[in-house]
Amino acid sequence: KEETDKIVSELTDVKKQIEDVQTTAKDSNSKIDEVQEKLKVHDEAHLNTMKLRLDRDMRRAIRRGFTSKDEFSLVESLHKSYKALGGNGYIDRLFNDFEKLEIKEDILVDD
């Protein structure tokens, strides 16, 4: 009986520890879900900001008829980030036109 009581007591302790781990895991999963939702909202906002900037900068350069090396590098880098976040469509078509622009060296593009 003494051995049985000891085993039962140990099993009760193990059960309590498992319940504690399950509670902790549930809380952690809830917090992870919350962070993922916030990250999704952040990504959408960032994607929209990049879209607006790319649209503005590329249209300006296309109207101007040329770009600079620095402007091209910046737009190209931003476009890669935009694509990595899932952006596509209209901005891709605009980027294709932007890529065809003449690159003028030593030109300060500031308009």
Protein backbone atom coordinates (compact mmCIF):
# COMPACT_ATOMS: atom_id res chain seq x y z
CA LYS A 1 0.00 0.00 0.00
CA GLU A 2 2.82 2.38 0.84
CA GLU A 3 4.48 1.80 -2.56
CA THR A 4 1.13 2.25 -4.34
CA ASP A 5 0.49 5.51 -2.50
CA LYS A 6 3.98 6.71 -3.47
CA ILE A 7 3.38 5.87 -7.16
CA VAL A 8 -0.03 7.54 -7.09
CA SER A 9 1.51 10.64 -5.51
CA GLU A 10 4.26 10.75 -8.15
CA LEU A 11 1.71 10.31 -10.93
CA THR A 12 -0.36 13.14 -9.47
CA ASP A 13 2.74 15.37 -9.46
CA VAL A 14 3.54 14.43 -13.07
CA LYS A 15 -0.07 15.11 -14.09
CA LYS A 16 0.10 18.56 -12.45
CA GLN A 17 3.36 19.32 -14.24
CA ILE A 18 1.86 18.27 -17.58
CA GLU A 19 -1.16 20.50 -16.95
CA ASP A 20 1.19 23.41 -16.15
CA VAL A 21 3.12 22.82 -19.40
CA GLN A 22 -0.15 22.64 -21.35
CA THR A 23 -1.35 25.91 -19.81
CA THR A 24 1.97 27.59 -20.60
CA ALA A 25 1.89 26.27 -24.18
CA LYS A 26 -1.68 27.52 -24.65
CA ASP A 27 -0.72 30.99 -23.35
CA SER A 28 2.37 31.04 -25.58
CA ASN A 29 0.37 30.01 -28.65
CA SER A 30 -2.13 32.76 -27.94
CA LYS A 31 0.66 35.34 -27.70
CA ILE A 32 2.27 34.00 -30.90
CA ASP A 33 -1.08 34.35 -32.71
CA GLU A 34 -1.35 37.93 -31.48
CA VAL A 35 2.18 38.77 -32.66
CA GLN A 36 1.55 37.14 -36.04
CA GLU A 37 -1.61 39.18 -36.51
CA LYS A 38 0.23 42.40 -35.68
CA LEU A 39 3.03 41.41 -38.06
CA LYS A 40 0.49 40.81 -40.82
CA VAL A 41 -0.98 44.29 -40.30
CA HIS A 42 2.53 45.79 -40.24
CA ASP A 43 3.47 44.00 -43.47
CA GLU A 44 0.31 45.26 -45.21
CA ALA A 45 0.99 48.83 -44.08
CA HIS A 46 4.62 48.61 -45.13
CA LEU A 47 3.66 47.12 -48.49
CA ASN A 48 1.27 50.01 -49.12
CA THR A 49 3.91 52.56 -48.13
CA MET A 50 6.44 50.98 -50.48
CA LYS A 51 3.85 50.86 -53.28
CA LEU A 52 3.15 54.59 -52.90
CA ARG A 53 6.86 55.46 -52.82
CA LEU A 54 7.71 53.25 -55.78
CA ASP A 55 4.80 54.64 -57.78
CA ARG A 56 5.81 58.23 -57.02
CA ASP A 57 9.53 57.79 -57.66
CA MET A 58 9.23 55.70 -60.81
CA ARG A 59 6.54 57.92 -62.37
CA ARG A 60 8.68 60.98 -61.68
CA ALA A 61 11.72 59.39 -63.33
CA ILE A 62 9.68 58.16 -66.29
CA ARG A 63 8.26 61.68 -66.83
CA ARG A 64 11.79 63.07 -66.57
CA GLY A 65 13.01 60.53 -69.13
CA PHE A 66 16.09 59.30 -67.25
CA THR A 67 17.32 58.19 -63.86
CA SER A 68 20.56 58.31 -61.92
CA LYS A 69 22.64 55.41 -60.73
CA ASP A 70 21.73 56.13 -57.09
CA GLU A 71 18.02 56.50 -57.79
CA PHE A 72 18.02 53.30 -59.85
CA SER A 73 19.75 51.37 -57.05
CA LEU A 74 17.32 52.67 -54.44
CA VAL A 75 14.23 51.90 -56.52
CA GLU A 76 15.56 48.47 -57.48
CA SER A 77 16.24 47.60 -53.83
CA LEU A 78 12.83 48.85 -52.73
CA HIS A 79 11.18 46.90 -55.54
CA LYS A 80 12.90 43.68 -54.40
CA SER A 81 11.63 44.24 -50.85
CA TYR A 82 8.17 45.04 -52.21
CA LYS A 83 8.14 41.75 -54.14
CA ALA A 84 9.39 39.80 -51.11
CA LEU A 85 6.39 41.07 -49.13
CA GLY A 86 4.03 39.91 -51.87
CA GLY A 87 3.63 43.04 -53.97
CA ASN A 88 3.06 42.62 -57.68
CA GLY A 89 0.99 43.72 -60.66
CA TYR A 90 0.88 47.43 -61.42
CA ILE A 91 4.19 48.23 -59.72
CA ASP A 92 5.91 45.45 -61.68
CA ARG A 93 4.70 46.93 -64.96
CA LEU A 94 5.87 50.37 -63.88
CA PHE A 95 9.23 48.93 -62.81
CA ASN A 96 9.65 47.34 -66.25
CA ASP A 97 9.27 50.81 -67.80
CA PHE A 98 11.60 52.32 -65.19
CA GLU A 99 14.32 49.73 -65.95
CA LYS A 100 14.38 50.89 -69.58
CA LEU A 101 15.32 54.45 -68.64
CA GLU A 102 18.71 55.84 -69.52
CA ILE A 103 20.99 56.06 -66.48
CA LYS A 104 22.83 59.35 -66.47
CA GLU A 105 25.98 59.36 -64.40
CA ASP A 106 26.85 62.19 -62.03
CA ILE A 107 23.36 63.64 -62.21
CA LEU A 108 21.77 64.77 -58.98
CA VAL A 109 18.13 63.72 -59.18
CA ASP A 110 16.26 65.80 -56.65
CA ASP A 111 12.89 66.79 -58.06
